[in-house]
PDB file of N, CA and C in Angstrom:
ATOM      1  N   MET A   1      21.974   0.993  54.569  1.00  0.00           N
ATOM      2  CA  MET A   1      22.636   0.076  53.660  1.00  0.00           C
ATOM      3  C   MET A   1      21.753  -1.156  53.472  1.00  0.00           C
ATOM      4  N   ASN A   2      21.567  -1.567  52.238  1.00  0.00           N
ATOM      5  CA  ASN A   2      20.737  -2.713  51.924  1.00  0.00           C
ATOM      6  C   ASN A   2      21.543  -4.002  51.981  1.00  0.00           C
ATOM      7  N   ILE A   3      20.849  -5.088  52.262  1.00  0.00           N
ATOM      8  CA  ILE A   3      21.467  -6.412  52.242  1.00  0.00           C
ATOM      9  C   ILE A   3      21.461  -6.905  50.803  1.00  0.00           C
ATOM     10  N   ILE A   4      22.583  -7.441  50.354  1.00  0.00           N
ATOM     11  CA  ILE A   4      22.687  -8.003  49.016  1.00  0.00           C
ATOM     12  C   ILE A   4      22.203  -9.445  49.110  1.00  0.00           C
ATOM     13  N   LYS A   5      21.078  -9.737  48.474  1.00  0.00           N
ATOM     14  CA  LYS A   5      20.491 -11.074  48.540  1.00  0.00           C
ATOM     15  C   LYS A   5      20.932 -11.878  47.324  1.00  0.00           C
ATOM     16  N   VAL A   6      21.398 -13.097  47.597  1.00  0.00           N
ATOM     17  CA  VAL A   6      21.952 -13.947  46.547  1.00  0.00           C
ATOM     18  C   VAL A   6      21.126 -15.222  46.453  1.00  0.00           C
ATOM     19  N   SER A   7      20.818 -15.634  45.227  1.00  0.00           N
ATOM     20  CA  SER A   7      20.131 -16.904  45.004  1.00  0.00           C
ATOM     21  C   SER A   7      21.085 -17.858  44.290  1.00  0.00           C
ATOM     22  N   ALA A   8      20.656 -19.087  44.154  1.00  0.00           N
ATOM     23  CA  ALA A   8      21.480 -20.085  43.461  1.00  0.00           C
ATOM     24  C   ALA A   8      21.667 -19.727  41.990  1.00  0.00           C
ATOM     25  N   ASN A   9      20.780 -18.894  41.445  1.00  0.00           N
ATOM     26  CA  ASN A   9      20.857 -18.510  40.030  1.00  0.00           C
ATOM     27  C   ASN A   9      21.526 -17.158  39.812  1.00  0.00           C
ATOM     28  N   SER A  10      22.022 -16.523  40.867  1.00  0.00           N
ATOM     29  CA  SER A  10      22.657 -15.204  40.737  1.00  0.00           C
ATOM     30  C   SER A  10      23.963 -15.319  39.955  1.00  0.00           C
ATOM     31  N   ARG A  11      24.218 -14.321  39.121  1.00  0.00           N
ATOM     32  CA  ARG A  11      25.495 -14.253  38.392  1.00  0.00           C
ATOM     33  C   ARG A  11      26.567 -13.755  39.359  1.00  0.00           C
ATOM     34  N   THR A  12      27.632 -14.529  39.533  1.00  0.00           N
ATOM     35  CA  THR A  12      28.663 -14.176  40.511  1.00  0.00           C
ATOM     36  C   THR A  12      29.335 -12.855  40.185  1.00  0.00           C
ATOM     37  N   SER A  13      29.550 -12.579  38.914  1.00  0.00           N
ATOM     38  CA  SER A  13      30.222 -11.321  38.558  1.00  0.00           C
ATOM     39  C   SER A  13      29.350 -10.115  38.890  1.00  0.00           C
ATOM     40  N   ALA A  14      28.029 -10.244  38.713  1.00  0.00           N
ATOM     41  CA  ALA A  14      27.126  -9.147  39.048  1.00  0.00           C
ATOM     42  C   ALA A  14      27.078  -8.926  40.557  1.00  0.00           C
ATOM     43  N   VAL A  15      27.023 -10.009  41.325  1.00  0.00           N
ATOM     44  CA  VAL A  15      27.020  -9.891  42.782  1.00  0.00           C
ATOM     45  C   VAL A  15      28.348  -9.313  43.269  1.00  0.00           C
ATOM     46  N   ALA A  16      29.449  -9.751  42.660  1.00  0.00           N
ATOM     47  CA  ALA A  16      30.768  -9.232  43.033  1.00  0.00           C
ATOM     48  C   ALA A  16      30.852  -7.736  42.785  1.00  0.00           C
ATOM     49  N   GLY A  17      30.317  -7.276  41.666  1.00  0.00           N
ATOM     50  CA  GLY A  17      30.291  -5.844  41.383  1.00  0.00           C
ATOM     51  C   GLY A  17      29.471  -5.074  42.402  1.00  0.00           C
ATOM     52  N   ALA A  18      28.342  -5.665  42.818  1.00  0.00           N
ATOM     53  CA  ALA A  18      27.506  -5.019  43.834  1.00  0.00           C
ATOM     54  C   ALA A  18      28.245  -4.943  45.167  1.00  0.00           C
ATOM     55  N   ILE A  19      28.914  -6.021  45.539  1.00  0.00           N
ATOM     56  CA  ILE A  19      29.674  -6.036  46.794  1.00  0.00           C
ATOM     57  C   ILE A  19      30.778  -4.982  46.745  1.00  0.00           C
ATOM     58  N   ALA A  20      31.518  -4.935  45.653  1.00  0.00           N
ATOM     59  CA  ALA A  20      32.613  -3.967  45.525  1.00  0.00           C
ATOM     60  C   ALA A  20      32.074  -2.536  45.581  1.00  0.00           C
ATOM     61  N   GLY A  21      30.958  -2.290  44.930  1.00  0.00           N
ATOM     62  CA  GLY A  21      30.369  -0.955  44.946  1.00  0.00           C
ATOM     63  C   GLY A  21      29.928  -0.535  46.341  1.00  0.00           C
ATOM     64  N   VAL A  22      29.284  -1.440  47.060  1.00  0.00           N
ATOM     65  CA  VAL A  22      28.838  -1.133  48.423  1.00  0.00           C
ATOM     66  C   VAL A  22      30.048  -0.929  49.337  1.00  0.00           C
ATOM     67  N   MET A  23      31.071  -1.743  49.172  1.00  0.00           N
ATOM     68  CA  MET A  23      32.282  -1.592  49.992  1.00  0.00           C
ATOM     69  C   MET A  23      32.938  -0.229  49.749  1.00  0.00           C
ATOM     70  N   ARG A  24      33.004   0.180  48.504  1.00  0.00           N
ATOM     71  CA  ARG A  24      33.614   1.473  48.191  1.00  0.00           C
ATOM     72  C   ARG A  24      32.812   2.625  48.784  1.00  0.00           C
ATOM     73  N   GLU A  25      31.491   2.481  48.800  1.00  0.00           N
ATOM     74  CA  GLU A  25      30.620   3.548  49.269  1.00  0.00           C
ATOM     75  C   GLU A  25      30.441   3.563  50.785  1.00  0.00           C
ATOM     76  N   HIS A  26      30.228   2.373  51.381  1.00  0.00           N
ATOM     77  CA  HIS A  26      29.887   2.298  52.803  1.00  0.00           C
ATOM     78  C   HIS A  26      30.959   1.644  53.674  1.00  0.00           C
ATOM     79  N   ASN A  27      31.987   1.057  53.058  1.00  0.00           N
ATOM     80  CA  ASN A  27      33.077   0.400  53.777  1.00  0.00           C
ATOM     81  C   ASN A  27      32.614  -0.854  54.538  1.00  0.00           C
ATOM     82  N   ARG A  28      31.432  -1.383  54.178  1.00  0.00           N
ATOM     83  CA  ARG A  28      30.889  -2.593  54.799  1.00  0.00           C
ATOM     84  C   ARG A  28      29.757  -3.084  53.912  1.00  0.00           C
ATOM     85  N   ALA A  29      29.668  -4.398  53.732  1.00  0.00           N
ATOM     86  CA  ALA A  29      28.583  -4.970  52.943  1.00  0.00           C
ATOM     87  C   ALA A  29      28.052  -6.207  53.657  1.00  0.00           C
ATOM     88  N   GLU A  30      26.760  -6.460  53.479  1.00  0.00           N
ATOM     89  CA  GLU A  30      26.141  -7.659  54.023  1.00  0.00           C
ATOM     90  C   GLU A  30      25.520  -8.437  52.873  1.00  0.00           C
ATOM     91  N   VAL A  31      25.876  -9.718  52.806  1.00  0.00           N
ATOM     92  CA  VAL A  31      25.390 -10.602  51.753  1.00  0.00           C
ATOM     93  C   VAL A  31      24.573 -11.699  52.435  1.00  0.00           C
ATOM     94  N   GLN A  32      23.381 -11.980  51.929  1.00  0.00           N
ATOM     95  CA  GLN A  32      22.510 -12.974  52.550  1.00  0.00           C
ATOM     96  C   GLN A  32      22.162 -14.055  51.539  1.00  0.00           C
ATOM     97  N   ALA A  33      22.208 -15.315  51.985  1.00  0.00           N
ATOM     98  CA  ALA A  33      21.901 -16.441  51.108  1.00  0.00           C
ATOM     99  C   ALA A  33      21.154 -17.515  51.888  1.00  0.00           C
ATOM    100  N   ILE A  34      20.211 -18.167  51.219  1.00  0.00           N
ATOM    101  CA  ILE A  34      19.472 -19.274  51.811  1.00  0.00           C
ATOM    102  C   ILE A  34      19.654 -20.485  50.895  1.00  0.00           C
ATOM    103  N   GLY A  35      20.221 -21.542  51.425  1.00  0.00           N
ATOM    104  CA  GLY A  35      20.428 -22.771  50.657  1.00  0.00           C
ATOM    105  C   GLY A  35      21.857 -22.904  50.165  1.00  0.00           C
ATOM    106  N   ALA A  36      22.243 -24.142  49.929  1.00  0.00           N
ATOM    107  CA  ALA A  36      23.623 -24.453  49.556  1.00  0.00           C
ATOM    108  C   ALA A  36      24.050 -23.776  48.257  1.00  0.00           C
ATOM    109  N   GLY A  37      23.185 -23.794  47.245  1.00  0.00           N
ATOM    110  CA  GLY A  37      23.528 -23.180  45.962  1.00  0.00           C
ATOM    111  C   GLY A  37      23.724 -21.678  46.080  1.00  0.00           C
ATOM    112  N   ALA A  38      22.882 -21.046  46.863  1.00  0.00           N
ATOM    113  CA  ALA A  38      22.987 -19.595  47.057  1.00  0.00           C
ATOM    114  C   ALA A  38      24.238 -19.241  47.847  1.00  0.00           C
ATOM    115  N   VAL A  39      24.554 -20.026  48.865  1.00  0.00           N
ATOM    116  CA  VAL A  39      25.768 -19.773  49.654  1.00  0.00           C
ATOM    117  C   VAL A  39      26.995 -19.957  48.765  1.00  0.00           C
ATOM    118  N   ASN A  40      26.988 -20.973  47.903  1.00  0.00           N
ATOM    119  CA  ASN A  40      28.093 -21.200  46.975  1.00  0.00           C
ATOM    120  C   ASN A  40      28.301 -19.980  46.076  1.00  0.00           C
ATOM    121  N   GLN A  41      27.225 -19.454  45.505  1.00  0.00           N
ATOM    122  CA  GLN A  41      27.333 -18.283  44.633  1.00  0.00           C
ATOM    123  C   GLN A  41      27.818 -17.056  45.408  1.00  0.00           C
ATOM    124  N   ALA A  42      27.361 -16.911  46.635  1.00  0.00           N
ATOM    125  CA  ALA A  42      27.756 -15.760  47.455  1.00  0.00           C
ATOM    126  C   ALA A  42      29.248 -15.796  47.774  1.00  0.00           C
ATOM    127  N   VAL A  43      29.754 -16.964  48.142  1.00  0.00           N
ATOM    128  CA  VAL A  43      31.176 -17.082  48.483  1.00  0.00           C
ATOM    129  C   VAL A  43      32.039 -16.839  47.243  1.00  0.00           C
ATOM    130  N   LYS A  44      31.625 -17.378  46.102  1.00  0.00           N
ATOM    131  CA  LYS A  44      32.382 -17.128  44.867  1.00  0.00           C
ATOM    132  C   LYS A  44      32.378 -15.637  44.528  1.00  0.00           C
ATOM    133  N   ALA A  45      31.239 -14.978  44.721  1.00  0.00           N
ATOM    134  CA  ALA A  45      31.144 -13.546  44.433  1.00  0.00           C
ATOM    135  C   ALA A  45      32.063 -12.741  45.353  1.00  0.00           C
ATOM    136  N   ILE A  46      32.155 -13.126  46.608  1.00  0.00           N
ATOM    137  CA  ILE A  46      33.046 -12.424  47.540  1.00  0.00           C
ATOM    138  C   ILE A  46      34.504 -12.604  47.115  1.00  0.00           C
ATOM    139  N   ALA A  47      34.849 -13.793  46.649  1.00  0.00           N
ATOM    140  CA  ALA A  47      36.216 -14.028  46.168  1.00  0.00           C
ATOM    141  C   ALA A  47      36.530 -13.142  44.959  1.00  0.00           C
ATOM    142  N   ILE A  48      35.569 -13.006  44.058  1.00  0.00           N
ATOM    143  CA  ILE A  48      35.764 -12.146  42.884  1.00  0.00           C
ATOM    144  C   ILE A  48      35.852 -10.683  43.317  1.00  0.00           C
ATOM    145  N   ALA A  49      34.961 -10.260  44.225  1.00  0.00           N
ATOM    146  CA  ALA A  49      34.973  -8.878  44.718  1.00  0.00           C
ATOM    147  C   ALA A  49      36.295  -8.561  45.398  1.00  0.00           C
ATOM    148  N   ARG A  50      36.865  -9.537  46.089  1.00  0.00           N
ATOM    149  CA  ARG A  50      38.163  -9.342  46.738  1.00  0.00           C
ATOM    150  C   ARG A  50      39.214  -8.926  45.707  1.00  0.00           C
ATOM    151  N   GLY A  51      39.192  -9.576  44.552  1.00  0.00           N
ATOM    152  CA  GLY A  51      40.115  -9.213  43.479  1.00  0.00           C
ATOM    153  C   GLY A  51      39.864  -7.806  42.960  1.00  0.00           C
ATOM    154  N   TYR A  52      38.591  -7.443  42.782  1.00  0.00           N
ATOM    155  CA  TYR A  52      38.253  -6.095  42.326  1.00  0.00           C
ATOM    156  C   TYR A  52      38.773  -5.048  43.312  1.00  0.00           C
ATOM    157  N   LEU A  53      38.564  -5.305  44.601  1.00  0.00           N
ATOM    158  CA  LEU A  53      38.905  -4.312  45.624  1.00  0.00           C
ATOM    159  C   LEU A  53      40.399  -4.248  45.895  1.00  0.00           C
ATOM    160  N   GLN A  54      41.107  -5.354  45.679  1.00  0.00           N
ATOM    161  CA  GLN A  54      42.562  -5.335  45.867  1.00  0.00           C
ATOM    162  C   GLN A  54      43.218  -4.367  44.895  1.00  0.00           C
ATOM    163  N   GLU A  55      42.647  -4.238  43.710  1.00  0.00           N
ATOM    164  CA  GLU A  55      43.169  -3.288  42.722  1.00  0.00           C
ATOM    165  C   GLU A  55      43.090  -1.857  43.249  1.00  0.00           C
ATOM    166  N   ASP A  56      42.137  -1.593  44.151  1.00  0.00           N
ATOM    167  CA  ASP A  56      41.977  -0.273  44.772  1.00  0.00           C
ATOM    168  C   ASP A  56      42.745  -0.158  46.081  1.00  0.00           C
ATOM    169  N   GLY A  57      43.480  -1.219  46.452  1.00  0.00           N
ATOM    170  CA  GLY A  57      44.232  -1.200  47.705  1.00  0.00           C
ATOM    171  C   GLY A  57      43.372  -1.493  48.928  1.00  0.00           C
ATOM    172  N   LEU A  58      42.169  -2.030  48.728  1.00  0.00           N
ATOM    173  CA  LEU A  58      41.268  -2.356  49.833  1.00  0.00           C
ATOM    174  C   LEU A  58      41.252  -3.873  50.015  1.00  0.00           C
ATOM    175  N   HIS A  59      41.664  -4.337  51.192  1.00  0.00           N
ATOM    176  CA  HIS A  59      41.682  -5.760  51.505  1.00  0.00           C
ATOM    177  C   HIS A  59      40.496  -6.060  52.416  1.00  0.00           C
ATOM    178  N   ILE A  60      39.779  -7.141  52.112  1.00  0.00           N
ATOM    179  CA  ILE A  60      38.546  -7.432  52.844  1.00  0.00           C
ATOM    180  C   ILE A  60      38.610  -8.784  53.543  1.00  0.00           C
ATOM    181  N   VAL A  61      37.749  -8.926  54.547  1.00  0.00           N
ATOM    182  CA  VAL A  61      37.530 -10.202  55.216  1.00  0.00           C
ATOM    183  C   VAL A  61      36.032 -10.465  55.216  1.00  0.00           C
ATOM    184  N   CYS A  62      35.663 -11.719  55.412  1.00  0.00           N
ATOM    185  CA  CYS A  62      34.265 -12.128  55.416  1.00  0.00           C
ATOM    186  C   CYS A  62      33.967 -12.821  56.741  1.00  0.00           C
ATOM    187  N   ILE A  63      32.929 -12.368  57.413  1.00  0.00           N
ATOM    188  CA  ILE A  63      32.533 -12.944  58.694  1.00  0.00           C
ATOM    189  C   ILE A  63      31.158 -13.600  58.504  1.00  0.00           C
ATOM    190  N   PRO A  64      31.088 -14.945  58.566  1.00  0.00           N
ATOM    191  CA  PRO A  64      29.793 -15.615  58.385  1.00  0.00           C
ATOM    192  C   PRO A  64      29.012 -15.690  59.692  1.00  0.00           C
ATOM    193  N   GLU A  65      27.697 -15.601  59.576  1.00  0.00           N
ATOM    194  CA  GLU A  65      26.835 -15.762  60.745  1.00  0.00           C
ATOM    195  C   GLU A  65      25.467 -16.262  60.287  1.00  0.00           C
ATOM    196  N   PHE A  66      24.745 -16.894  61.203  1.00  0.00           N
ATOM    197  CA  PHE A  66      23.381 -17.328  60.918  1.00  0.00           C
ATOM    198  C   PHE A  66      22.422 -16.194  61.234  1.00  0.00           C
ATOM    199  N   THR A  67      21.319 -16.157  60.515  1.00  0.00           N
ATOM    200  CA  THR A  67      20.251 -15.196  60.788  1.00  0.00           C
ATOM    201  C   THR A  67      18.921 -15.846  60.428  1.00  0.00           C
ATOM    202  N   SER A  68      17.852 -15.385  61.022  1.00  0.00           N
ATOM    203  CA  SER A  68      16.516 -15.881  60.701  1.00  0.00           C
ATOM    204  C   SER A  68      15.796 -14.851  59.844  1.00  0.00           C
ATOM    205  N   VAL A  69      15.114 -15.328  58.822  1.00  0.00           N
ATOM    206  CA  VAL A  69      14.333 -14.454  57.958  1.00  0.00           C
ATOM    207  C   VAL A  69      12.936 -15.062  57.795  1.00  0.00           C
ATOM    208  N   THR A  70      11.953 -14.215  57.602  1.00  0.00           N
ATOM    209  CA  THR A  70      10.591 -14.676  57.386  1.00  0.00           C
ATOM    210  C   THR A  70      10.250 -14.497  55.911  1.00  0.00           C
ATOM    211  N   ILE A  71       9.885 -15.594  55.277  1.00  0.00           N
ATOM    212  CA  ILE A  71       9.516 -15.575  53.863  1.00  0.00           C
ATOM    213  C   ILE A  71       8.124 -16.176  53.743  1.00  0.00           C
ATOM    214  N   GLU A  72       7.184 -15.366  53.271  1.00  0.00           N
ATOM    215  CA  GLU A  72       5.793 -15.793  53.103  1.00  0.00           C
ATOM    216  C   GLU A  72       5.246 -16.427  54.377  1.00  0.00           C
ATOM    217  N   GLY A  73       5.566 -15.828  55.511  1.00  0.00           N
ATOM    218  CA  GLY A  73       5.054 -16.289  56.787  1.00  0.00           C
ATOM    219  C   GLY A  73       5.820 -17.440  57.417  1.00  0.00           C
ATOM    220  N   ASN A  74       6.814 -17.961  56.719  1.00  0.00           N
ATOM    221  CA  ASN A  74       7.625 -19.066  57.242  1.00  0.00           C
ATOM    222  C   ASN A  74       8.997 -18.565  57.651  1.00  0.00           C
ATOM    223  N   GLU A  75       9.461 -19.008  58.812  1.00  0.00           N
ATOM    224  CA  GLU A  75      10.786 -18.608  59.272  1.00  0.00           C
ATOM    225  C   GLU A  75      11.835 -19.564  58.691  1.00  0.00           C
ATOM    226  N   ARG A  76      12.878 -18.975  58.098  1.00  0.00           N
ATOM    227  CA  ARG A  76      13.956 -19.750  57.485  1.00  0.00           C
ATOM    228  C   ARG A  76      15.283 -19.302  58.075  1.00  0.00           C
ATOM    229  N   THR A  77      16.255 -20.191  58.062  1.00  0.00           N
ATOM    230  CA  THR A  77      17.599 -19.846  58.497  1.00  0.00           C
ATOM    231  C   THR A  77      18.415 -19.479  57.266  1.00  0.00           C
ATOM    232  N   ALA A  78      19.082 -18.337  57.341  1.00  0.00           N
ATOM    233  CA  ALA A  78      19.918 -17.865  56.237  1.00  0.00           C
ATOM    234  C   ALA A  78      21.348 -17.697  56.737  1.00  0.00           C
ATOM    235  N   ILE A  79      22.251 -17.633  55.806  1.00  0.00           N
ATOM    236  CA  ILE A  79      23.643 -17.298  56.103  1.00  0.00           C
ATOM    237  C   ILE A  79      23.836 -15.841  55.736  1.00  0.00           C
ATOM    238  N   ARG A  80      24.346 -15.054  56.672  1.00  0.00           N
ATOM    239  CA  ARG A  80      24.695 -13.667  56.395  1.00  0.00           C
ATOM    240  C   ARG A  80      26.221 -13.594  56.398  1.00  0.00           C
ATOM    241  N   LEU A  81      26.762 -13.070  55.324  1.00  0.00           N
ATOM    242  CA  LEU A  81      28.208 -12.907  55.185  1.00  0.00           C
ATOM    243  C   LEU A  81      28.507 -11.423  55.281  1.00  0.00           C
ATOM    244  N   VAL A  82      29.129 -11.026  56.374  1.00  0.00           N
ATOM    245  CA  VAL A  82      29.470  -9.616  56.602  1.00  0.00           C
ATOM    246  C   VAL A  82      30.858  -9.387  56.006  1.00  0.00           C
ATOM    247  N   VAL A  83      30.954  -8.459  55.084  1.00  0.00           N
ATOM    248  CA  VAL A  83      32.213  -8.152  54.410  1.00  0.00           C
ATOM    249  C   VAL A  83      32.707  -6.807  54.951  1.00  0.00           C
ATOM    250  N   GLU A  84      33.926  -6.817  55.490  1.00  0.00           N
ATOM    251  CA  GLU A  84      34.514  -5.620  56.101  1.00  0.00           C
ATOM    252  C   GLU A  84      35.959  -5.474  55.656  1.00  0.00           C
ATOM    253  N   PRO A  85      36.511  -4.266  55.805  1.00  0.00           N
ATOM    254  CA  PRO A  85      37.943  -4.103  55.503  1.00  0.00           C
ATOM    255  C   PRO A  85      38.791  -4.838  56.530  1.00  0.00           C
ATOM    256  N   ARG A  86      39.934  -5.270  56.094  1.00  0.00           N
ATOM    257  CA  ARG A  86      40.853  -6.010  56.961  1.00  0.00           C
ATOM    258  C   ARG A  86      41.660  -5.066  57.790  1.00  0.00           C
TER     259      ARG A  86
END
């Protein structure tokens, strides 16, 4: 399963569709964001995906955690949002 990476410029509806699709297929999704704008878009996308999945009778929760990622040789702290069924 791939990590859904979100930037500050990501379209929330597109990310929400990706989250809903991964949840339907794998029953778990991981969303990763670096920076306040990206985290904002990720959380909004999860809220939208929650609405999409409720129509299918699937209720989700989001578990936030910190993770380290290496970008161009530099280590950065990211937020990983683990989305699972309730």
